N, C-alpha and C. Protein backbone atom coordinates (compact mmCIF):
# COMPACT_ATOMS: atom_id res chain seq x y z
N MET A 1 78.77 106.47 93.55
CA MET A 1 77.67 105.30 93.30
C MET A 1 78.63 104.11 93.32
N THR A 2 78.13 103.06 93.89
CA THR A 2 78.44 101.68 93.94
C THR A 2 77.60 100.88 92.98
N ILE A 3 78.17 100.16 92.03
CA ILE A 3 77.50 99.43 91.09
C ILE A 3 78.15 97.97 90.92
N THR A 4 77.46 97.14 90.29
CA THR A 4 78.12 95.64 90.16
C THR A 4 77.87 95.30 88.69
N PHE A 5 79.04 94.54 88.09
CA PHE A 5 78.73 94.10 86.88
C PHE A 5 79.14 92.45 87.09
N ILE A 6 77.89 91.61 86.68
CA ILE A 6 77.72 90.33 86.54
C ILE A 6 78.50 89.82 85.35
N GLY A 7 79.74 89.57 85.00
CA GLY A 7 80.28 89.12 83.86
C GLY A 7 81.43 89.99 83.58
N HIS A 8 82.67 89.21 83.12
CA HIS A 8 83.81 89.78 83.00
C HIS A 8 84.18 89.72 81.74
N GLY A 9 83.49 89.37 80.74
CA GLY A 9 83.61 89.44 79.35
C GLY A 9 84.01 90.74 78.71
N TYR A 10 84.22 90.93 77.30
CA TYR A 10 84.46 92.09 76.91
C TYR A 10 83.43 93.23 77.42
N VAL A 11 82.39 93.26 77.24
CA VAL A 11 81.56 94.32 77.64
C VAL A 11 81.62 94.56 79.05
N GLY A 12 81.18 93.63 79.72
CA GLY A 12 81.65 93.73 81.25
C GLY A 12 82.77 94.33 81.94
N LEU A 13 83.87 93.92 81.42
CA LEU A 13 85.16 94.46 82.11
C LEU A 13 85.43 95.76 81.48
N VAL A 14 85.18 96.16 79.98
CA VAL A 14 85.54 97.17 79.48
C VAL A 14 84.61 98.42 80.24
N THR A 15 83.41 98.18 80.31
CA THR A 15 82.65 99.30 80.86
C THR A 15 82.60 99.43 82.46
N ALA A 16 82.85 98.27 83.10
CA ALA A 16 83.27 98.42 84.59
C ALA A 16 84.56 99.28 84.78
N THR A 17 85.39 98.82 83.90
CA THR A 17 86.57 99.90 84.30
C THR A 17 86.65 101.11 83.88
N VAL A 18 85.75 101.54 83.04
CA VAL A 18 85.60 102.76 82.64
C VAL A 18 84.73 103.73 84.03
N PHE A 19 83.55 103.03 84.38
CA PHE A 19 83.03 103.36 85.13
C PHE A 19 83.62 103.60 86.56
N ALA A 20 84.38 102.70 87.00
CA ALA A 20 85.65 103.13 87.97
C ALA A 20 86.41 103.97 87.93
N ASP A 21 86.87 104.31 86.75
CA ASP A 21 87.58 105.47 86.35
C ASP A 21 86.99 106.84 86.59
N PHE A 22 85.71 106.92 86.60
CA PHE A 22 84.71 107.99 86.91
C PHE A 22 84.77 108.24 88.20
N GLY A 23 85.37 107.30 89.23
CA GLY A 23 85.31 107.50 90.58
C GLY A 23 84.58 106.57 91.29
N ASN A 24 83.74 105.81 90.54
CA ASN A 24 82.48 104.92 91.33
C ASN A 24 83.16 103.84 91.97
N THR A 25 82.93 103.15 92.93
CA THR A 25 82.99 101.74 93.67
C THR A 25 82.26 100.62 92.62
N VAL A 26 83.10 100.04 92.01
CA VAL A 26 82.60 98.95 90.97
C VAL A 26 83.15 97.50 91.20
N TYR A 27 82.19 96.71 91.65
CA TYR A 27 82.39 95.29 91.84
C TYR A 27 82.34 94.42 90.36
N VAL A 28 83.08 93.60 90.13
CA VAL A 28 82.82 92.79 88.96
C VAL A 28 82.69 91.41 89.40
N ILE A 29 81.46 90.49 89.10
CA ILE A 29 81.55 89.22 89.73
C ILE A 29 81.73 88.35 88.57
N GLY A 30 82.72 87.15 88.53
CA GLY A 30 82.85 86.25 87.97
C GLY A 30 82.63 85.04 88.20
N HIS A 31 82.63 83.92 87.53
CA HIS A 31 82.53 82.32 88.11
C HIS A 31 83.93 81.77 87.71
N THR A 32 84.92 82.01 87.41
CA THR A 32 86.26 81.35 87.14
C THR A 32 87.01 81.65 88.07
N PRO A 33 87.60 80.93 89.17
CA PRO A 33 88.49 81.55 90.07
C PRO A 33 89.99 82.10 89.52
N GLU A 34 90.22 81.36 88.68
CA GLU A 34 91.69 81.81 88.04
C GLU A 34 91.73 83.20 87.22
N LYS A 35 90.45 83.47 86.63
CA LYS A 35 90.46 84.80 85.79
C LYS A 35 90.34 85.66 86.87
N ILE A 36 89.46 85.43 88.15
CA ILE A 36 89.19 86.50 88.84
C ILE A 36 90.72 86.72 89.61
N GLU A 37 91.32 86.11 90.04
CA GLU A 37 92.62 86.10 90.73
C GLU A 37 93.51 86.87 89.70
N ASN A 38 93.45 86.33 88.64
CA ASN A 38 94.56 87.46 87.36
C ASN A 38 94.06 88.61 87.57
N LEU A 39 92.84 88.86 87.29
CA LEU A 39 92.16 90.23 87.19
C LEU A 39 92.41 91.26 88.59
N LYS A 40 92.59 90.75 89.78
CA LYS A 40 92.87 91.11 90.88
C LYS A 40 94.49 91.72 90.70
N LYS A 41 95.35 90.87 90.01
CA LYS A 41 96.68 91.33 89.89
C LYS A 41 96.87 92.09 88.64
N GLY A 42 95.59 92.56 87.92
CA GLY A 42 96.09 93.41 86.75
C GLY A 42 96.12 92.72 85.47
N ILE A 43 96.16 91.60 85.72
CA ILE A 43 96.18 90.59 84.26
C ILE A 43 94.82 90.60 83.49
N VAL A 44 94.74 91.20 82.35
CA VAL A 44 93.65 91.13 81.63
C VAL A 44 93.68 90.14 80.50
N PRO A 45 92.39 89.53 80.39
CA PRO A 45 92.31 88.17 79.57
C PRO A 45 92.33 88.75 77.97
N ILE A 46 91.92 89.97 77.88
CA ILE A 46 91.43 90.41 76.12
C ILE A 46 92.63 91.50 76.15
N TYR A 47 92.80 91.71 74.91
CA TYR A 47 93.66 92.82 74.37
C TYR A 47 92.69 94.02 73.97
N GLU A 48 92.98 95.25 74.62
CA GLU A 48 92.11 96.43 74.19
C GLU A 48 92.71 97.32 74.45
N PRO A 49 93.19 98.42 73.71
CA PRO A 49 94.12 99.45 73.93
C PRO A 49 93.84 100.31 74.97
N GLY A 50 94.90 100.25 75.84
CA GLY A 50 94.51 101.02 77.26
C GLY A 50 93.74 100.62 78.36
N LEU A 51 93.28 99.22 78.23
CA LEU A 51 92.38 98.87 78.98
C LEU A 51 93.25 98.17 80.36
N LYS A 52 94.73 97.70 79.95
CA LYS A 52 95.27 96.97 81.20
C LYS A 52 95.80 98.24 82.18
N GLU A 53 96.11 99.40 81.45
CA GLU A 53 96.72 100.41 82.30
C GLU A 53 95.65 101.10 83.24
N MET A 54 94.40 101.27 82.60
CA MET A 54 93.21 101.79 83.39
C MET A 54 92.78 100.86 84.38
N LEU A 55 92.73 99.55 83.99
CA LEU A 55 92.26 98.65 84.90
C LEU A 55 92.97 98.57 86.30
N LYS A 56 94.50 98.34 85.90
CA LYS A 56 95.26 98.33 87.21
C LYS A 56 95.16 99.57 87.88
N ARG A 57 95.19 100.67 87.37
CA ARG A 57 95.19 101.98 88.20
C ARG A 57 94.04 102.12 89.05
N ASN A 58 92.74 101.63 88.66
CA ASN A 58 91.71 101.39 89.36
C ASN A 58 91.57 100.54 90.43
N VAL A 59 92.29 99.05 90.11
CA VAL A 59 92.41 98.37 91.08
C VAL A 59 93.26 98.70 92.33
N ASP A 60 94.31 99.34 92.00
CA ASP A 60 95.35 99.89 93.09
C ASP A 60 94.62 101.08 93.79
N ALA A 61 93.79 101.79 93.13
CA ALA A 61 92.92 102.98 93.84
C ALA A 61 91.77 102.15 94.88
N GLY A 62 91.53 100.99 94.64
CA GLY A 62 90.44 99.94 95.46
C GLY A 62 89.27 100.41 95.02
N ARG A 63 89.09 100.84 93.73
CA ARG A 63 87.66 101.53 93.11
C ARG A 63 87.22 100.14 92.18
N LEU A 64 87.90 99.10 91.82
CA LEU A 64 87.24 98.30 91.00
C LEU A 64 87.79 96.78 91.69
N LEU A 65 86.70 96.04 91.89
CA LEU A 65 87.07 95.09 92.76
C LEU A 65 86.49 93.65 92.00
N PHE A 66 86.98 92.82 92.06
CA PHE A 66 86.75 91.35 91.73
C PHE A 66 86.54 90.44 92.56
N THR A 67 85.56 89.83 92.08
CA THR A 67 84.80 88.62 93.27
C THR A 67 84.11 87.33 92.45
N LEU A 68 84.34 86.35 93.33
CA LEU A 68 83.19 85.25 92.76
C LEU A 68 81.81 85.33 93.50
N ASP A 69 81.78 86.15 94.48
CA ASP A 69 80.65 86.28 95.32
C ASP A 69 79.74 87.26 95.12
N TYR A 70 78.35 87.12 95.46
CA TYR A 70 77.27 87.84 95.01
C TYR A 70 77.19 88.94 96.44
N GLU A 71 77.71 88.56 97.44
CA GLU A 71 77.38 89.35 98.47
C GLU A 71 79.10 89.52 98.99
N PRO A 72 79.57 91.21 99.66
CA PRO A 72 78.53 92.10 99.83
C PRO A 72 78.29 92.93 98.61
N SER A 73 78.65 92.51 97.38
CA SER A 73 78.47 93.17 96.19
C SER A 73 77.20 93.93 95.93
N ILE A 74 76.31 92.68 95.67
CA ILE A 74 74.77 93.15 95.03
C ILE A 74 74.12 94.01 96.38
N PRO A 75 74.23 93.66 97.76
CA PRO A 75 73.48 94.39 98.79
C PRO A 75 73.99 96.25 98.66
N GLU A 76 75.31 96.25 98.44
CA GLU A 76 75.92 97.41 98.57
C GLU A 76 75.37 98.42 97.18
N SER A 77 74.84 97.66 96.08
CA SER A 77 75.12 98.23 94.91
C SER A 77 73.72 99.10 94.68
N ASP A 78 73.85 100.27 93.93
CA ASP A 78 72.82 101.13 93.29
C ASP A 78 72.25 100.48 92.08
N ILE A 79 73.07 100.37 91.56
CA ILE A 79 72.65 99.42 89.97
C ILE A 79 73.48 98.16 89.94
N VAL A 80 72.73 97.10 89.38
CA VAL A 80 73.37 95.73 88.87
C VAL A 80 73.37 95.37 87.61
N PHE A 81 74.37 95.39 86.80
CA PHE A 81 74.39 95.13 85.42
C PHE A 81 74.62 93.82 85.04
N ILE A 82 73.60 93.18 84.40
CA ILE A 82 73.89 91.70 83.81
C ILE A 82 74.69 91.94 82.71
N ALA A 83 75.86 91.29 82.53
CA ALA A 83 76.43 91.57 81.12
C ALA A 83 77.26 90.40 80.75
N VAL A 84 76.43 88.94 80.88
CA VAL A 84 76.68 87.71 80.56
C VAL A 84 76.60 87.60 79.00
N GLY A 85 77.32 86.62 78.28
CA GLY A 85 77.00 86.25 76.97
C GLY A 85 75.81 85.67 76.81
N THR A 86 75.09 86.11 75.45
CA THR A 86 74.25 84.96 74.95
C THR A 86 74.36 84.44 73.46
N PRO A 87 75.25 83.46 73.56
CA PRO A 87 75.68 83.16 72.09
C PRO A 87 74.49 82.51 71.50
N PRO A 88 74.53 82.41 69.99
CA PRO A 88 73.42 81.88 69.35
C PRO A 88 73.49 80.20 69.35
N GLN A 89 72.47 79.66 69.68
CA GLN A 89 72.16 78.30 69.45
C GLN A 89 72.20 77.70 68.11
N LYS A 90 72.04 76.39 67.96
CA LYS A 90 72.07 75.76 66.69
C LYS A 90 70.85 76.30 65.66
N THR A 91 69.84 76.61 66.59
CA THR A 91 68.49 77.12 65.81
C THR A 91 68.41 78.65 65.70
N GLY A 92 69.62 79.39 66.18
CA GLY A 92 69.72 80.59 65.83
C GLY A 92 69.12 81.69 67.04
N ASP A 93 68.36 80.90 68.05
CA ASP A 93 68.14 81.57 69.03
C ASP A 93 68.91 81.74 70.05
N ALA A 94 68.98 82.90 70.81
CA ALA A 94 69.84 83.30 71.69
C ALA A 94 69.89 82.37 73.07
N GLU A 95 70.96 82.17 73.43
CA GLU A 95 71.02 81.34 74.72
C GLU A 95 71.18 82.03 76.06
N LEU A 96 69.91 82.16 76.62
CA LEU A 96 69.59 82.87 77.72
C LEU A 96 69.75 82.17 79.14
N SER A 97 70.52 81.16 79.24
CA SER A 97 70.47 80.24 80.48
C SER A 97 71.14 80.88 81.39
N SER A 98 72.50 81.74 81.17
CA SER A 98 73.33 82.30 81.88
C SER A 98 72.62 83.61 82.53
N VAL A 99 71.80 84.33 81.88
CA VAL A 99 71.12 85.37 81.93
C VAL A 99 70.07 85.12 83.32
N PHE A 100 69.47 84.18 83.01
CA PHE A 100 68.24 83.88 83.84
C PHE A 100 69.16 83.01 85.14
N GLU A 101 70.16 82.37 85.18
CA GLU A 101 71.12 81.89 86.23
C GLU A 101 71.58 82.95 87.11
N VAL A 102 71.98 84.15 86.62
CA VAL A 102 72.53 85.13 87.46
C VAL A 102 71.36 85.87 87.74
N ALA A 103 70.48 86.02 87.23
CA ALA A 103 69.44 86.97 87.61
C ALA A 103 68.38 86.25 88.84
N GLY A 104 68.37 85.06 88.95
CA GLY A 104 68.15 84.19 90.09
C GLY A 104 69.05 84.30 91.45
N LYS A 105 70.40 84.32 91.17
CA LYS A 105 71.30 84.86 92.04
C LYS A 105 71.39 86.05 92.89
N LEU A 106 71.00 86.75 91.84
CA LEU A 106 71.23 88.32 92.29
C LEU A 106 69.71 88.73 92.95
N GLY A 107 68.88 87.85 92.60
CA GLY A 107 67.51 88.37 93.17
C GLY A 107 67.63 87.99 94.72
N LYS A 108 68.34 86.74 95.08
CA LYS A 108 68.20 86.16 96.26
C LYS A 108 69.27 87.05 97.05
N SER A 109 70.13 87.88 96.58
CA SER A 109 71.00 88.65 97.16
C SER A 109 70.70 90.09 97.43
N LEU A 110 69.56 90.50 96.79
CA LEU A 110 68.92 92.00 96.97
C LEU A 110 68.74 92.12 98.44
N LYS A 111 69.04 93.46 99.05
CA LYS A 111 68.66 93.67 100.56
C LYS A 111 67.80 94.75 100.41
N SER A 112 68.02 95.86 99.78
CA SER A 112 67.40 97.04 99.99
C SER A 112 66.58 97.38 98.57
N HIS A 113 66.76 98.57 97.78
CA HIS A 113 66.43 98.91 96.48
C HIS A 113 67.22 98.87 95.53
N THR A 114 67.25 98.42 94.79
CA THR A 114 68.43 98.24 93.58
C THR A 114 67.65 98.23 92.01
N VAL A 115 68.55 98.98 91.07
CA VAL A 115 68.10 99.00 89.77
C VAL A 115 68.82 97.85 89.04
N VAL A 116 68.05 97.02 88.51
CA VAL A 116 68.73 95.82 87.66
C VAL A 116 68.93 96.07 86.22
N ALA A 117 69.96 96.33 85.57
CA ALA A 117 69.92 96.46 84.30
C ALA A 117 70.78 95.67 83.35
N THR A 118 70.02 95.40 82.47
CA THR A 118 70.90 94.38 81.51
C THR A 118 71.53 94.77 80.29
N LYS A 119 72.77 94.51 80.14
CA LYS A 119 73.69 94.89 78.83
C LYS A 119 73.73 93.87 77.88
N SER A 120 73.46 92.71 78.33
CA SER A 120 73.55 91.57 77.70
C SER A 120 72.61 91.70 76.32
N THR A 121 72.98 91.10 75.22
CA THR A 121 72.12 91.28 74.22
C THR A 121 70.89 90.08 74.16
N VAL A 122 69.64 90.54 74.43
CA VAL A 122 68.78 89.82 74.82
C VAL A 122 67.53 90.10 73.55
N PRO A 123 66.38 88.84 73.43
CA PRO A 123 65.39 89.03 72.74
C PRO A 123 64.28 90.07 73.49
N VAL A 124 63.57 90.33 72.59
CA VAL A 124 62.51 91.38 73.06
C VAL A 124 61.35 90.67 73.96
N GLY A 125 61.33 90.95 75.41
CA GLY A 125 60.47 90.29 76.33
C GLY A 125 61.60 89.67 77.37
N THR A 126 62.71 89.73 77.18
CA THR A 126 63.50 89.10 77.95
C THR A 126 63.66 89.84 79.39
N ASN A 127 63.71 91.03 79.47
CA ASN A 127 64.10 91.93 80.71
C ASN A 127 62.86 91.54 81.56
N LYS A 128 61.53 91.62 81.22
CA LYS A 128 60.36 91.46 81.87
C LYS A 128 60.22 89.70 82.54
N ARG A 129 60.93 89.09 81.74
CA ARG A 129 60.95 87.48 82.28
C ARG A 129 62.14 87.68 83.49
N ILE A 130 63.22 88.49 83.34
CA ILE A 130 64.25 88.82 84.25
C ILE A 130 63.52 89.26 85.44
N ALA A 131 62.58 90.49 85.27
CA ALA A 131 61.84 91.04 86.44
C ALA A 131 61.03 90.14 87.21
N LYS A 132 60.54 89.22 86.31
CA LYS A 132 59.37 88.24 87.15
C LYS A 132 60.19 87.07 87.80
N LEU A 133 61.34 86.83 87.35
CA LEU A 133 62.14 85.74 88.12
C LEU A 133 62.65 86.25 89.47
N VAL A 134 63.35 87.72 89.35
CA VAL A 134 63.83 88.26 90.40
C VAL A 134 62.80 88.66 91.74
N GLU A 135 61.33 88.81 91.03
CA GLU A 135 60.19 89.07 92.07
C GLU A 135 60.03 87.78 92.75
N GLU A 136 60.16 86.56 92.20
CA GLU A 136 59.80 85.36 92.70
C GLU A 136 60.63 84.99 93.84
N VAL A 137 61.93 85.35 93.61
CA VAL A 137 63.29 84.88 94.33
C VAL A 137 63.64 85.89 95.72
N LYS A 138 63.51 87.11 95.53
CA LYS A 138 63.84 88.19 96.38
C LYS A 138 63.20 87.86 97.73
N SER A 139 63.85 88.54 98.82
CA SER A 139 63.26 88.78 99.75
C SER A 139 62.24 89.64 100.19
N THR A 140 61.49 89.72 100.91
CA THR A 140 60.16 90.60 101.15
C THR A 140 60.59 92.11 101.38
N ASN A 141 61.80 92.27 101.91
CA ASN A 141 62.39 93.57 102.30
C ASN A 141 62.86 94.28 101.13
N ALA A 142 63.20 93.46 100.16
CA ALA A 142 63.76 94.09 98.86
C ALA A 142 63.04 94.56 98.00
N THR A 143 63.39 95.57 97.17
CA THR A 143 62.74 96.29 96.09
C THR A 143 63.62 96.40 95.11
N PHE A 144 63.19 96.54 93.77
CA PHE A 144 64.01 96.55 92.83
C PHE A 144 63.20 96.93 91.21
N GLU A 145 63.73 97.78 90.47
CA GLU A 145 63.38 98.21 89.20
C GLU A 145 64.22 97.65 87.96
N ILE A 146 63.59 97.38 86.95
CA ILE A 146 64.39 96.83 85.74
C ILE A 146 64.55 97.76 84.62
N ALA A 147 65.48 97.52 84.12
CA ALA A 147 66.15 98.54 82.78
C ALA A 147 67.01 97.65 81.83
N SER A 148 66.97 98.13 80.68
CA SER A 148 67.56 97.69 79.53
C SER A 148 68.68 98.82 78.91
N VAL A 149 69.77 98.37 79.22
CA VAL A 149 71.12 99.72 79.06
C VAL A 149 71.83 98.98 77.78
N PRO A 150 71.66 98.65 76.62
CA PRO A 150 72.32 97.95 75.52
C PRO A 150 73.81 98.47 75.46
N GLU A 151 74.78 97.93 74.87
CA GLU A 151 76.00 98.40 74.78
C GLU A 151 76.46 98.18 73.06
N PHE A 152 77.26 99.24 72.70
CA PHE A 152 77.49 99.42 71.32
C PHE A 152 79.22 99.73 71.02
N LEU A 153 79.85 98.47 71.54
CA LEU A 153 81.26 98.61 71.87
C LEU A 153 81.97 98.01 70.35
N ARG A 154 82.81 98.26 70.04
CA ARG A 154 83.61 97.98 69.00
C ARG A 154 85.21 96.96 69.62
N GLU A 155 85.56 95.99 69.27
CA GLU A 155 86.77 95.51 69.63
C GLU A 155 87.93 96.82 68.75
N GLY A 156 88.67 96.70 69.74
CA GLY A 156 90.07 97.80 69.56
C GLY A 156 89.58 99.23 69.67
N THR A 157 88.43 99.68 69.75
CA THR A 157 88.06 101.06 70.02
C THR A 157 86.97 100.91 71.47
N ALA A 158 86.82 99.76 72.11
CA ALA A 158 85.86 99.82 73.09
C ALA A 158 85.70 100.88 74.09
N ILE A 159 86.80 101.34 74.46
CA ILE A 159 87.27 102.20 75.75
C ILE A 159 86.60 103.76 75.07
N ASP A 160 87.13 103.91 73.96
CA ASP A 160 86.71 105.45 73.44
C ASP A 160 85.38 105.04 72.79
N ASP A 161 84.85 104.22 72.57
CA ASP A 161 83.19 104.06 72.40
C ASP A 161 82.43 103.95 73.48
N THR A 162 82.93 103.77 74.79
CA THR A 162 82.13 103.59 75.92
C THR A 162 82.12 105.40 76.42
N LEU A 163 83.43 105.94 76.01
CA LEU A 163 83.35 107.29 76.54
C LEU A 163 82.72 108.26 75.72
N HIS A 164 82.79 107.88 74.13
CA HIS A 164 82.17 108.70 73.38
C HIS A 164 81.13 107.98 72.43
N PRO A 165 79.89 107.69 73.01
CA PRO A 165 79.19 106.78 72.12
C PRO A 165 78.38 108.01 71.28
N ASP A 166 77.69 107.07 70.04
CA ASP A 166 76.71 107.94 69.60
C ASP A 166 75.55 108.34 70.39
N ARG A 167 74.96 107.34 71.26
CA ARG A 167 73.76 107.72 71.84
C ARG A 167 73.55 106.59 73.04
N ILE A 168 73.31 106.96 73.98
CA ILE A 168 72.95 106.09 75.31
C ILE A 168 71.59 105.59 75.55
N ILE A 169 71.26 104.51 75.20
CA ILE A 169 69.81 104.03 75.30
C ILE A 169 69.49 103.50 76.72
N VAL A 170 68.35 104.23 77.21
CA VAL A 170 68.18 103.63 78.45
C VAL A 170 66.66 103.36 78.35
N GLY A 171 66.31 102.16 78.57
CA GLY A 171 65.02 101.55 78.29
C GLY A 171 64.57 101.02 79.77
N THR A 172 63.46 101.62 80.35
CA THR A 172 62.81 101.17 81.71
C THR A 172 61.38 102.01 81.85
N GLU A 173 60.42 101.31 82.62
CA GLU A 173 59.23 102.03 82.88
C GLU A 173 59.25 102.71 84.04
N SER A 174 60.34 103.12 84.72
CA SER A 174 60.75 103.75 85.89
C SER A 174 61.24 104.79 85.98
N GLU A 175 60.70 105.80 86.35
CA GLU A 175 61.51 107.23 86.11
C GLU A 175 62.49 107.19 87.31
N SER A 176 62.32 106.58 88.41
CA SER A 176 63.97 106.64 89.54
C SER A 176 64.89 105.85 88.79
N ALA A 177 64.41 104.78 88.25
CA ALA A 177 65.71 103.86 87.67
C ALA A 177 66.47 104.83 86.37
N ARG A 178 65.24 105.52 85.52
CA ARG A 178 65.95 106.36 84.64
C ARG A 178 66.95 107.39 85.21
N GLU A 179 66.58 107.95 86.17
CA GLU A 179 67.42 109.12 86.82
C GLU A 179 68.72 108.42 87.13
N LYS A 180 68.53 107.35 87.91
CA LYS A 180 69.70 106.96 88.53
C LYS A 180 71.10 106.55 87.36
N ILE A 181 70.33 105.88 86.36
CA ILE A 181 71.12 105.44 85.19
C ILE A 181 71.84 106.77 84.49
N VAL A 182 70.91 107.70 84.15
CA VAL A 182 71.18 108.94 83.86
C VAL A 182 72.70 109.53 84.58
N GLU A 183 72.33 109.45 85.75
CA GLU A 183 73.63 110.10 86.69
C GLU A 183 74.67 109.49 86.62
N LEU A 184 74.60 108.07 86.55
CA LEU A 184 75.67 107.47 86.39
C LEU A 184 76.61 107.66 85.01
N HIS A 185 75.82 107.85 84.13
CA HIS A 185 76.31 108.30 82.83
C HIS A 185 76.77 109.83 82.53
N LYS A 186 76.72 110.61 83.78
CA LYS A 186 77.06 112.05 83.80
C LYS A 186 78.17 112.47 83.01
N PRO A 187 79.23 111.68 83.51
CA PRO A 187 80.73 111.91 83.01
C PRO A 187 80.61 112.02 81.45
N ILE A 188 79.78 111.33 80.46
CA ILE A 188 79.82 110.73 79.51
C ILE A 188 78.96 111.73 78.45
N ASP A 189 79.74 112.46 77.36
CA ASP A 189 78.93 113.28 76.52
C ASP A 189 78.30 112.84 75.36
N ALA A 190 77.06 112.29 75.48
CA ALA A 190 76.43 111.65 74.77
C ALA A 190 74.79 111.74 74.62
N PRO A 191 74.24 111.92 73.61
CA PRO A 191 72.45 112.11 74.02
C PRO A 191 71.98 110.88 74.31
N PHE A 192 70.85 111.12 75.27
CA PHE A 192 70.36 109.98 75.79
C PHE A 192 68.89 109.69 75.12
N VAL A 193 68.58 108.30 74.75
CA VAL A 193 67.36 107.82 74.09
C VAL A 193 66.61 107.29 74.92
N HIS A 194 65.74 107.75 75.42
CA HIS A 194 64.81 107.10 76.56
C HIS A 194 63.51 106.41 76.10
N THR A 195 63.55 104.95 76.06
CA THR A 195 62.56 104.06 75.69
C THR A 195 61.82 103.42 76.83
N ASN A 196 61.03 102.33 76.24
CA ASN A 196 60.59 101.34 77.44
C ASN A 196 61.39 100.10 76.98
N LEU A 197 61.07 99.00 77.58
CA LEU A 197 62.17 97.99 77.74
C LEU A 197 62.25 97.03 76.55
N GLU A 198 61.13 97.04 75.91
CA GLU A 198 60.98 96.20 74.48
C GLU A 198 61.62 97.13 73.48
N THR A 199 61.50 98.42 73.38
CA THR A 199 62.06 99.35 72.54
C THR A 199 63.73 99.14 72.55
N ALA A 200 64.28 99.34 73.49
CA ALA A 200 65.58 99.06 74.14
C ALA A 200 66.11 98.00 73.33
N GLU A 201 65.55 96.83 73.56
CA GLU A 201 65.80 95.40 73.48
C GLU A 201 66.16 95.28 71.82
N LEU A 202 64.90 95.99 71.04
CA LEU A 202 64.82 95.83 69.73
C LEU A 202 65.97 96.73 68.76
N ILE A 203 66.35 97.88 69.55
CA ILE A 203 67.21 98.89 69.32
C ILE A 203 68.43 97.99 69.25
N LYS A 204 68.89 97.13 69.96
CA LYS A 204 70.13 96.55 69.98
C LYS A 204 70.33 95.46 68.90
N TYR A 205 69.15 94.91 68.68
CA TYR A 205 69.33 93.75 67.41
C TYR A 205 68.97 94.22 66.11
N ALA A 206 68.19 95.81 66.10
CA ALA A 206 68.31 96.65 64.90
C ALA A 206 69.59 97.02 64.59
N ALA A 207 70.08 97.26 65.50
CA ALA A 207 71.62 97.86 65.22
C ALA A 207 72.71 96.89 64.91
N ASN A 208 72.82 95.68 65.26
CA ASN A 208 73.36 94.89 65.16
C ASN A 208 73.27 94.14 63.72
N SER A 209 71.98 94.11 63.24
CA SER A 209 71.38 93.66 62.00
C SER A 209 71.88 94.69 60.77
N PHE A 210 71.55 96.03 61.31
CA PHE A 210 72.06 96.99 60.15
C PHE A 210 73.62 96.94 60.08
N LEU A 211 74.13 96.83 61.03
CA LEU A 211 75.90 96.55 60.75
C LEU A 211 76.26 95.26 60.13
N ALA A 212 75.69 94.19 60.08
CA ALA A 212 76.01 92.92 59.64
C ALA A 212 75.43 93.17 57.99
N THR A 213 74.21 93.93 57.58
CA THR A 213 73.90 94.05 56.45
C THR A 213 75.05 94.76 55.54
N LYS A 214 75.37 95.91 56.20
CA LYS A 214 76.24 96.82 55.62
C LYS A 214 77.60 95.92 55.34
N ILE A 215 78.22 95.10 56.32
CA ILE A 215 79.51 94.38 55.77
C ILE A 215 78.93 93.11 54.69
N SER A 216 77.71 92.51 54.75
CA SER A 216 77.55 91.81 53.74
C SER A 216 77.52 92.51 52.19
N TYR A 217 76.98 93.49 52.23
CA TYR A 217 76.82 94.46 51.16
C TYR A 217 78.13 94.44 50.36
N ALA A 218 79.03 95.06 51.51
CA ALA A 218 80.45 95.75 51.17
C ALA A 218 81.04 94.41 50.27
N ASN A 219 80.80 92.94 51.31
CA ASN A 219 81.53 91.96 50.68
C ASN A 219 81.00 91.66 49.20
N ALA A 220 79.74 91.77 49.26
CA ALA A 220 78.98 91.52 47.70
C ALA A 220 79.55 91.90 46.64
N ILE A 221 79.72 93.47 46.99
CA ILE A 221 80.21 94.56 45.90
C ILE A 221 81.74 94.16 45.46
N ALA A 222 82.41 93.47 46.61
CA ALA A 222 83.93 93.39 46.66
C ALA A 222 83.98 92.06 45.93
N LYS A 223 83.41 91.09 45.80
CA LYS A 223 82.90 89.95 45.04
C LYS A 223 82.73 90.18 43.73
N LEU A 224 81.41 91.01 43.39
CA LEU A 224 81.34 91.36 42.25
C LEU A 224 82.60 92.08 41.22
N SER A 225 83.21 93.15 42.05
CA SER A 225 84.23 93.75 41.65
C SER A 225 85.51 92.97 41.09
């Protein structure tokens, strides 16, 4: 399978490298020339145990390709993952400008049928906004389906978390998109949780909030002790 990740941050880079190691052809699109050139040379901008070796192995094998361009990667891909950052604003709201910017760019590059899947942490309703934006800019010959596939990675164990997750959330209202995402994840031994878009988006926030609550509770007990 040929897939593309837009974004080479922690989530995009680790997940893309693991999927390339499964034998897929994986493009990673970035916007910083220096970082892209370094990644082509196997220079990794983050520290994650085992990532540098896995990345270099797949770059050398020609399965992991880094680029600044949306073509030919997007037209060739069965699935395109949006994996850009959504940092909090001063109001606490997620900054979604990067998500919508890349959605517009990938929409213009679609040529045939593609699954557009979001890995970025986004508020409920964002994927439907992405679908509307892509629909507005794509060519008449292109078709697409939208999905939400949130990540649950921990720094320091991200590769193991990708290979052995507690569950794989697949949020989509398209059966063919669901089947394609399941096929991509076949090498991973984990239960699938199939939901609609909104439920998948909410699951990610619920999981993050629950982990934050546990840490806050532990810190409160430590302070009391």
